[in-house]
Amino acid sequence: MSVICRLIEKPPATVFSYLRYHGGIEPRRRTRRSSALSMLEREDISRGLAGSISIRAIARTLGRSPSTVSREVSKNGGSGRYRATEADHAACKRAKRPKTCFLVSNTMLRTLVTDKLAENWSPEQISGWLRRTYANNSDMHVSHETIYYRRGDL
């Protein structure tokens, strides 16, 4: 939204009200990565497991790595409980996008980063300072790339 405000030179309240009135910004249509397992492949895995075929043999017929098939089965109940439809739904849930940026969701971290940016610290300096100051708390670590990416939103 902040990008829209800058582009059309309008205050955030105006843009927010307009977007809310018109139903917001339509989310991007989700698509599956080409390398992800398809529903048909999951069905083949399910049938193979039901037929007591080994993971390696199933992987060979799918043209996939045995570790890919093994991880898929392990993540979704194991060989005795694997169901293709449930596995496909679970994979879709695990891959939900867009995910909230860690810097946006952690108020204390966001405040620290904002304060340091106001003091003209560079994102690299902030990231290094956080790593040293909060060495035992990984919730307070953020990469300089994230700060660069989110700097306009803070």
N, C-alpha and C. Protein backbone atom coordinates (compact mmCIF):
# COMPACT_ATOMS: atom_id res chain seq x y z
N MET A 1 0.81 -1.18 0.00
CA MET A 1 0.00 0.00 0.00
C MET A 1 0.87 1.26 0.00
N SER A 2 2.00 1.20 0.71
CA SER A 2 2.87 2.38 0.77
C SER A 2 3.44 2.71 -0.62
N VAL A 3 3.67 1.68 -1.43
CA VAL A 3 4.16 1.90 -2.79
C VAL A 3 3.09 2.62 -3.61
N ILE A 4 1.85 2.21 -3.46
CA ILE A 4 0.73 2.84 -4.18
C ILE A 4 0.64 4.31 -3.77
N CYS A 5 0.74 4.58 -2.46
CA CYS A 5 0.66 5.97 -1.95
C CYS A 5 1.71 6.85 -2.60
N ARG A 6 2.94 6.33 -2.66
CA ARG A 6 4.02 7.12 -3.26
C ARG A 6 3.80 7.34 -4.75
N LEU A 7 3.33 6.31 -5.44
CA LEU A 7 3.15 6.41 -6.89
C LEU A 7 2.07 7.42 -7.28
N ILE A 8 0.97 7.42 -6.54
CA ILE A 8 -0.13 8.33 -6.90
C ILE A 8 -0.14 9.60 -6.05
N GLU A 9 0.86 9.71 -5.15
CA GLU A 9 1.02 10.90 -4.32
C GLU A 9 -0.24 11.24 -3.52
N LYS A 10 -0.76 10.23 -2.86
CA LYS A 10 -1.94 10.39 -1.99
C LYS A 10 -1.59 9.88 -0.59
N PRO A 11 -2.24 10.40 0.45
CA PRO A 11 -1.96 9.93 1.82
C PRO A 11 -2.46 8.49 2.02
N PRO A 12 -1.83 7.76 2.94
CA PRO A 12 -2.22 6.36 3.19
C PRO A 12 -3.70 6.19 3.55
N ALA A 13 -4.26 7.12 4.31
CA ALA A 13 -5.68 6.99 4.70
C ALA A 13 -6.59 6.97 3.48
N THR A 14 -6.27 7.78 2.47
CA THR A 14 -7.08 7.85 1.25
C THR A 14 -7.01 6.52 0.50
N VAL A 15 -5.79 6.02 0.35
CA VAL A 15 -5.60 4.76 -0.39
C VAL A 15 -6.25 3.61 0.37
N PHE A 16 -6.07 3.57 1.70
CA PHE A 16 -6.65 2.51 2.52
C PHE A 16 -8.17 2.51 2.40
N SER A 17 -8.78 3.69 2.53
CA SER A 17 -10.25 3.79 2.43
C SER A 17 -10.75 3.33 1.07
N TYR A 18 -10.06 3.73 0.02
CA TYR A 18 -10.45 3.35 -1.33
C TYR A 18 -10.36 1.83 -1.51
N LEU A 19 -9.24 1.28 -1.08
CA LEU A 19 -9.05 -0.17 -1.22
C LEU A 19 -10.07 -0.95 -0.40
N ARG A 20 -10.33 -0.50 0.83
CA ARG A 20 -11.30 -1.19 1.67
C ARG A 20 -12.69 -1.13 1.05
N TYR A 21 -13.07 0.03 0.53
CA TYR A 21 -14.38 0.20 -0.10
C TYR A 21 -14.55 -0.74 -1.29
N HIS A 22 -13.48 -0.91 -2.06
CA HIS A 22 -13.55 -1.74 -3.27
C HIS A 22 -13.11 -3.19 -3.04
N GLY A 23 -12.94 -3.59 -1.80
CA GLY A 23 -12.65 -4.99 -1.50
C GLY A 23 -11.18 -5.34 -1.41
N GLY A 24 -10.29 -4.36 -1.40
CA GLY A 24 -8.87 -4.63 -1.24
C GLY A 24 -8.19 -5.01 -2.55
N ILE A 25 -6.97 -5.48 -2.42
CA ILE A 25 -6.19 -5.91 -3.59
C ILE A 25 -6.35 -7.41 -3.72
N GLU A 26 -6.74 -7.84 -4.89
CA GLU A 26 -6.94 -9.27 -5.11
C GLU A 26 -5.61 -10.00 -4.98
N PRO A 27 -5.57 -11.06 -4.14
CA PRO A 27 -4.32 -11.80 -4.00
C PRO A 27 -3.95 -12.50 -5.31
N ARG A 28 -2.66 -12.69 -5.48
CA ARG A 28 -2.19 -13.38 -6.66
C ARG A 28 -2.69 -14.83 -6.66
N ARG A 29 -3.07 -15.33 -7.81
CA ARG A 29 -3.53 -16.70 -7.91
C ARG A 29 -2.39 -17.65 -7.58
N ARG A 30 -2.65 -18.59 -6.72
CA ARG A 30 -1.61 -19.52 -6.31
C ARG A 30 -1.38 -20.56 -7.39
N THR A 31 -0.12 -20.83 -7.65
CA THR A 31 0.24 -21.88 -8.60
C THR A 31 1.27 -22.78 -7.95
N ARG A 32 1.25 -24.00 -8.38
CA ARG A 32 2.18 -24.99 -7.85
C ARG A 32 3.50 -24.90 -8.59
N ARG A 33 4.60 -25.02 -7.84
CA ARG A 33 5.92 -25.06 -8.49
C ARG A 33 5.97 -26.27 -9.41
N SER A 34 6.70 -26.14 -10.50
CA SER A 34 6.80 -27.24 -11.44
C SER A 34 7.52 -28.44 -10.84
N SER A 35 8.37 -28.19 -9.85
CA SER A 35 9.12 -29.29 -9.23
C SER A 35 8.33 -29.97 -8.10
N ALA A 36 7.21 -29.40 -7.69
CA ALA A 36 6.41 -29.98 -6.60
C ALA A 36 5.68 -31.22 -7.09
N LEU A 37 5.40 -32.12 -6.17
CA LEU A 37 4.65 -33.31 -6.53
C LEU A 37 3.22 -32.93 -6.93
N SER A 38 2.74 -33.55 -7.98
CA SER A 38 1.37 -33.29 -8.44
C SER A 38 0.40 -34.24 -7.73
N MET A 39 -0.87 -33.97 -7.88
CA MET A 39 -1.89 -34.84 -7.29
C MET A 39 -1.79 -36.25 -7.89
N LEU A 40 -1.53 -36.33 -9.20
CA LEU A 40 -1.40 -37.65 -9.85
C LEU A 40 -0.22 -38.43 -9.28
N GLU A 41 0.90 -37.74 -9.02
CA GLU A 41 2.06 -38.41 -8.43
C GLU A 41 1.73 -38.89 -7.02
N ARG A 42 1.00 -38.08 -6.28
CA ARG A 42 0.61 -38.49 -4.92
C ARG A 42 -0.33 -39.69 -4.97
N GLU A 43 -1.20 -39.74 -5.96
CA GLU A 43 -2.07 -40.92 -6.14
C GLU A 43 -1.23 -42.16 -6.43
N ASP A 44 -0.22 -42.01 -7.29
CA ASP A 44 0.66 -43.15 -7.59
C ASP A 44 1.41 -43.61 -6.35
N ILE A 45 1.83 -42.68 -5.52
CA ILE A 45 2.51 -43.04 -4.27
C ILE A 45 1.54 -43.82 -3.38
N SER A 46 0.32 -43.31 -3.26
CA SER A 46 -0.68 -43.96 -2.43
C SER A 46 -0.98 -45.39 -2.91
N ARG A 47 -1.17 -45.53 -4.22
CA ARG A 47 -1.43 -46.87 -4.78
C ARG A 47 -0.24 -47.80 -4.59
N GLY A 48 0.95 -47.25 -4.77
CA GLY A 48 2.16 -48.06 -4.59
C GLY A 48 2.30 -48.55 -3.16
N LEU A 49 2.05 -47.67 -2.21
CA LEU A 49 2.12 -48.07 -0.80
C LEU A 49 1.06 -49.11 -0.46
N ALA A 50 -0.14 -48.92 -1.01
CA ALA A 50 -1.22 -49.90 -0.77
C ALA A 50 -0.86 -51.25 -1.37
N GLY A 51 -0.10 -51.24 -2.46
CA GLY A 51 0.32 -52.49 -3.10
C GLY A 51 1.64 -53.02 -2.57
N SER A 52 2.10 -52.49 -1.44
CA SER A 52 3.35 -52.92 -0.78
C SER A 52 4.58 -52.79 -1.68
N ILE A 53 4.58 -51.80 -2.54
CA ILE A 53 5.74 -51.54 -3.40
C ILE A 53 6.71 -50.67 -2.61
N SER A 54 7.99 -50.90 -2.79
CA SER A 54 9.00 -50.16 -2.02
C SER A 54 9.04 -48.69 -2.46
N ILE A 55 9.54 -47.85 -1.57
CA ILE A 55 9.68 -46.40 -1.84
C ILE A 55 10.57 -46.21 -3.07
N ARG A 56 11.66 -46.97 -3.15
CA ARG A 56 12.59 -46.84 -4.29
C ARG A 56 11.91 -47.20 -5.61
N ALA A 57 11.09 -48.23 -5.61
CA ALA A 57 10.40 -48.63 -6.83
C ALA A 57 9.36 -47.58 -7.24
N ILE A 58 8.66 -47.03 -6.24
CA ILE A 58 7.68 -45.97 -6.53
C ILE A 58 8.40 -44.77 -7.11
N ALA A 59 9.51 -44.38 -6.49
CA ALA A 59 10.29 -43.24 -6.97
C ALA A 59 10.78 -43.46 -8.39
N ARG A 60 11.22 -44.65 -8.68
CA ARG A 60 11.71 -44.97 -10.04
C ARG A 60 10.59 -44.80 -11.07
N THR A 61 9.38 -45.27 -10.76
CA THR A 61 8.27 -45.14 -11.72
C THR A 61 7.85 -43.68 -11.91
N LEU A 62 8.03 -42.87 -10.86
CA LEU A 62 7.67 -41.45 -10.96
C LEU A 62 8.78 -40.61 -11.57
N GLY A 63 9.98 -41.17 -11.64
CA GLY A 63 11.12 -40.39 -12.11
C GLY A 63 11.56 -39.37 -11.07
N ARG A 64 11.38 -39.72 -9.81
CA ARG A 64 11.74 -38.85 -8.69
C ARG A 64 12.80 -39.52 -7.84
N SER A 65 13.44 -38.73 -7.00
CA SER A 65 14.43 -39.25 -6.08
C SER A 65 13.72 -40.03 -4.97
N PRO A 66 14.30 -41.15 -4.53
CA PRO A 66 13.69 -41.90 -3.43
C PRO A 66 13.53 -41.05 -2.17
N SER A 67 14.46 -40.10 -1.94
CA SER A 67 14.35 -39.26 -0.75
C SER A 67 13.13 -38.33 -0.84
N THR A 68 12.79 -37.88 -2.04
CA THR A 68 11.60 -37.04 -2.23
C THR A 68 10.34 -37.80 -1.84
N VAL A 69 10.24 -39.02 -2.32
CA VAL A 69 9.07 -39.85 -2.03
C VAL A 69 9.04 -40.21 -0.55
N SER A 70 10.20 -40.55 0.01
CA SER A 70 10.28 -40.91 1.42
C SER A 70 9.86 -39.74 2.31
N ARG A 71 10.35 -38.53 2.00
CA ARG A 71 9.96 -37.35 2.80
C ARG A 71 8.47 -37.08 2.68
N GLU A 72 7.94 -37.22 1.48
CA GLU A 72 6.51 -37.01 1.25
C GLU A 72 5.68 -37.97 2.10
N VAL A 73 6.06 -39.22 2.13
CA VAL A 73 5.33 -40.22 2.91
C VAL A 73 5.47 -39.94 4.40
N SER A 74 6.68 -39.63 4.84
CA SER A 74 6.93 -39.35 6.27
C SER A 74 6.14 -38.15 6.75
N LYS A 75 6.09 -37.08 5.94
CA LYS A 75 5.38 -35.86 6.33
C LYS A 75 3.88 -36.06 6.43
N ASN A 76 3.38 -37.12 5.79
CA ASN A 76 1.93 -37.29 5.67
C ASN A 76 1.43 -38.61 6.23
N GLY A 77 1.92 -38.98 7.40
CA GLY A 77 1.35 -40.12 8.12
C GLY A 77 2.09 -41.43 8.01
N GLY A 78 3.11 -41.52 7.18
CA GLY A 78 3.85 -42.77 7.04
C GLY A 78 3.18 -43.71 6.05
N SER A 79 3.83 -44.83 5.81
CA SER A 79 3.34 -45.74 4.76
C SER A 79 1.99 -46.37 5.08
N GLY A 80 1.65 -46.50 6.34
CA GLY A 80 0.37 -47.11 6.71
C GLY A 80 -0.81 -46.14 6.66
N ARG A 81 -0.54 -44.85 6.74
CA ARG A 81 -1.63 -43.87 6.82
C ARG A 81 -1.64 -42.86 5.67
N TYR A 82 -0.76 -42.99 4.70
CA TYR A 82 -0.65 -42.01 3.61
C TYR A 82 -1.90 -42.03 2.74
N ARG A 83 -2.49 -40.84 2.53
CA ARG A 83 -3.62 -40.67 1.63
C ARG A 83 -3.31 -39.48 0.72
N ALA A 84 -3.43 -39.67 -0.57
CA ALA A 84 -3.04 -38.67 -1.55
C ALA A 84 -3.77 -37.34 -1.38
N THR A 85 -5.07 -37.39 -1.20
CA THR A 85 -5.86 -36.15 -1.08
C THR A 85 -5.45 -35.36 0.15
N GLU A 86 -5.32 -36.06 1.28
CA GLU A 86 -4.91 -35.39 2.51
C GLU A 86 -3.51 -34.82 2.39
N ALA A 87 -2.62 -35.56 1.73
CA ALA A 87 -1.24 -35.11 1.54
C ALA A 87 -1.21 -33.86 0.66
N ASP A 88 -2.05 -33.83 -0.36
CA ASP A 88 -2.10 -32.67 -1.26
C ASP A 88 -2.61 -31.43 -0.52
N HIS A 89 -3.65 -31.60 0.30
CA HIS A 89 -4.18 -30.48 1.10
C HIS A 89 -3.13 -29.99 2.09
N ALA A 90 -2.43 -30.91 2.73
CA ALA A 90 -1.41 -30.54 3.71
C ALA A 90 -0.26 -29.79 3.04
N ALA A 91 0.14 -30.23 1.86
CA ALA A 91 1.22 -29.56 1.13
C ALA A 91 0.81 -28.14 0.75
N CYS A 92 -0.44 -27.98 0.35
CA CYS A 92 -0.95 -26.66 -0.01
C CYS A 92 -0.96 -25.75 1.21
N LYS A 93 -1.35 -26.27 2.36
CA LYS A 93 -1.36 -25.50 3.59
C LYS A 93 0.05 -25.09 4.01
N ARG A 94 0.99 -26.03 3.90
CA ARG A 94 2.38 -25.74 4.29
C ARG A 94 3.01 -24.69 3.39
N ALA A 95 2.56 -24.59 2.16
CA ALA A 95 3.16 -23.67 1.19
C ALA A 95 2.43 -22.34 1.11
N LYS A 96 1.58 -22.02 2.08
CA LYS A 96 0.79 -20.78 2.03
C LYS A 96 1.66 -19.57 1.80
N ARG A 97 1.28 -18.76 0.85
CA ARG A 97 1.95 -17.51 0.55
C ARG A 97 0.90 -16.45 0.37
N PRO A 98 1.15 -15.21 0.60
CA PRO A 98 2.39 -14.69 1.16
C PRO A 98 2.43 -14.88 2.67
N LYS A 99 3.60 -15.14 3.19
CA LYS A 99 3.78 -15.26 4.62
C LYS A 99 4.14 -13.89 5.18
N THR A 100 3.72 -13.63 6.42
CA THR A 100 4.03 -12.36 7.05
C THR A 100 5.52 -12.28 7.30
N CYS A 101 6.09 -11.15 6.96
CA CYS A 101 7.51 -10.92 7.18
C CYS A 101 7.80 -10.93 8.68
N PHE A 102 8.88 -11.59 9.08
CA PHE A 102 9.24 -11.70 10.48
C PHE A 102 9.43 -10.32 11.12
N LEU A 103 10.01 -9.41 10.39
CA LEU A 103 10.26 -8.06 10.90
C LEU A 103 8.94 -7.32 11.16
N VAL A 104 7.94 -7.60 10.37
CA VAL A 104 6.64 -6.96 10.54
C VAL A 104 5.89 -7.57 11.73
N SER A 105 6.04 -8.86 11.95
CA SER A 105 5.28 -9.53 13.00
C SER A 105 5.91 -9.41 14.39
N ASN A 106 7.19 -9.06 14.50
CA ASN A 106 7.87 -8.95 15.79
C ASN A 106 8.00 -7.47 16.16
N THR A 107 7.11 -7.00 17.03
CA THR A 107 7.02 -5.57 17.37
C THR A 107 8.31 -5.04 18.00
N MET A 108 8.88 -5.78 18.95
CA MET A 108 10.09 -5.32 19.61
C MET A 108 11.26 -5.19 18.63
N LEU A 109 11.41 -6.19 17.77
CA LEU A 109 12.46 -6.16 16.76
C LEU A 109 12.25 -5.00 15.79
N ARG A 110 11.01 -4.83 15.35
CA ARG A 110 10.69 -3.75 14.42
C ARG A 110 11.02 -2.38 15.03
N THR A 111 10.70 -2.21 16.31
CA THR A 111 10.99 -0.94 16.99
C THR A 111 12.49 -0.68 17.05
N LEU A 112 13.27 -1.71 17.41
CA LEU A 112 14.72 -1.56 17.46
C LEU A 112 15.30 -1.19 16.10
N VAL A 113 14.85 -1.90 15.06
CA VAL A 113 15.35 -1.63 13.70
C VAL A 113 14.97 -0.22 13.26
N THR A 114 13.74 0.17 13.53
CA THR A 114 13.28 1.51 13.16
C THR A 114 14.11 2.59 13.86
N ASP A 115 14.36 2.38 15.15
CA ASP A 115 15.17 3.35 15.91
C ASP A 115 16.58 3.47 15.34
N LYS A 116 17.18 2.34 15.02
CA LYS A 116 18.55 2.36 14.48
C LYS A 116 18.58 3.00 13.09
N LEU A 117 17.55 2.75 12.29
CA LEU A 117 17.49 3.39 10.97
C LEU A 117 17.36 4.91 11.13
N ALA A 118 16.59 5.34 12.13
CA ALA A 118 16.42 6.77 12.39
C ALA A 118 17.74 7.41 12.82
N GLU A 119 18.62 6.59 13.43
CA GLU A 119 19.95 7.07 13.85
C GLU A 119 20.97 6.94 12.71
N ASN A 120 20.49 6.65 11.51
CA ASN A 120 21.33 6.50 10.30
C ASN A 120 22.27 5.31 10.33
N TRP A 121 21.90 4.24 11.02
CA TRP A 121 22.66 2.99 10.97
C TRP A 121 22.32 2.31 9.65
N SER A 122 23.27 1.61 9.08
CA SER A 122 22.99 0.85 7.86
C SER A 122 22.34 -0.48 8.25
N PRO A 123 21.60 -1.09 7.33
CA PRO A 123 21.01 -2.41 7.62
C PRO A 123 22.06 -3.45 8.03
N GLU A 124 23.26 -3.40 7.43
CA GLU A 124 24.31 -4.34 7.80
C GLU A 124 24.74 -4.14 9.25
N GLN A 125 24.88 -2.86 9.66
CA GLN A 125 25.26 -2.56 11.04
C GLN A 125 24.19 -3.05 12.02
N ILE A 126 22.94 -2.80 11.68
CA ILE A 126 21.83 -3.21 12.55
C ILE A 126 21.80 -4.72 12.70
N SER A 127 21.92 -5.41 11.59
CA SER A 127 21.89 -6.88 11.61
C SER A 127 23.02 -7.44 12.48
N GLY A 128 24.23 -6.92 12.31
CA GLY A 128 25.37 -7.37 13.10
C GLY A 128 25.21 -7.05 14.58
N TRP A 129 24.72 -5.84 14.88
CA TRP A 129 24.49 -5.42 16.26
C TRP A 129 23.47 -6.33 16.94
N LEU A 130 22.39 -6.65 16.24
CA LEU A 130 21.37 -7.53 16.80
C LEU A 130 21.94 -8.91 17.11
N ARG A 131 22.76 -9.44 16.18
CA ARG A 131 23.36 -10.76 16.39
C ARG A 131 24.26 -10.78 17.63
N ARG A 132 25.02 -9.70 17.84
CA ARG A 132 25.91 -9.65 19.01
C ARG A 132 25.13 -9.37 20.30
N THR A 133 24.22 -8.43 20.25
CA THR A 133 23.47 -8.02 21.44
C THR A 133 22.51 -9.11 21.91
N TYR A 134 21.89 -9.79 20.98
CA TYR A 134 20.91 -10.84 21.32
C TYR A 134 21.41 -12.20 20.84
N ALA A 135 22.63 -12.53 21.24
CA ALA A 135 23.28 -13.76 20.78
C ALA A 135 22.48 -15.01 21.15
N ASN A 136 21.80 -14.98 22.29
CA ASN A 136 21.06 -16.16 22.76
C ASN A 136 19.58 -16.12 22.41
N ASN A 137 19.16 -15.15 21.61
CA ASN A 137 17.74 -15.02 21.27
C ASN A 137 17.59 -14.85 19.76
N SER A 138 17.40 -15.95 19.06
CA SER A 138 17.32 -15.90 17.59
C SER A 138 16.07 -15.17 17.11
N ASP A 139 15.08 -14.96 17.99
CA ASP A 139 13.90 -14.18 17.61
C ASP A 139 14.23 -12.72 17.37
N MET A 140 15.40 -12.29 17.82
CA MET A 140 15.81 -10.90 17.67
C MET A 140 16.88 -10.74 16.58
N HIS A 141 17.03 -11.73 15.71
CA HIS A 141 17.98 -11.66 14.60
C HIS A 141 17.22 -11.42 13.30
N VAL A 142 17.77 -10.58 12.45
CA VAL A 142 17.16 -10.34 11.14
C VAL A 142 18.29 -10.01 10.16
N SER A 143 18.15 -10.48 8.95
CA SER A 143 19.20 -10.23 7.95
C SER A 143 19.12 -8.81 7.43
N HIS A 144 20.24 -8.32 6.92
CA HIS A 144 20.24 -6.97 6.35
C HIS A 144 19.37 -6.91 5.11
N GLU A 145 19.23 -8.04 4.38
CA GLU A 145 18.37 -8.05 3.20
C GLU A 145 16.92 -7.79 3.58
N THR A 146 16.48 -8.37 4.70
CA THR A 146 15.12 -8.16 5.16
C THR A 146 14.90 -6.69 5.52
N ILE A 147 15.89 -6.09 6.16
CA ILE A 147 15.77 -4.68 6.53
C ILE A 147 15.70 -3.82 5.28
N TYR A 148 16.56 -4.11 4.29
CA TYR A 148 16.51 -3.35 3.03
C TYR A 148 15.14 -3.51 2.38
N TYR A 149 14.65 -4.74 2.36
CA TYR A 149 13.39 -5.05 1.70
C TYR A 149 12.22 -4.34 2.37
N ARG A 150 12.23 -4.30 3.71
CA ARG A 150 11.12 -3.77 4.48
C ARG A 150 11.31 -2.32 4.91
N ARG A 151 12.44 -1.71 4.60
CA ARG A 151 12.73 -0.36 5.09
C ARG A 151 11.63 0.63 4.73
N GLY A 152 11.05 0.53 3.55
CA GLY A 152 9.99 1.44 3.13
C GLY A 152 8.70 1.25 3.89
N ASP A 153 8.50 0.06 4.51
CA ASP A 153 7.27 -0.24 5.23
C ASP A 153 7.35 0.12 6.70
N LEU A 154 8.55 0.42 7.21
CA LEU A 154 8.69 0.66 8.65
C LEU A 154 8.33 2.08 9.02
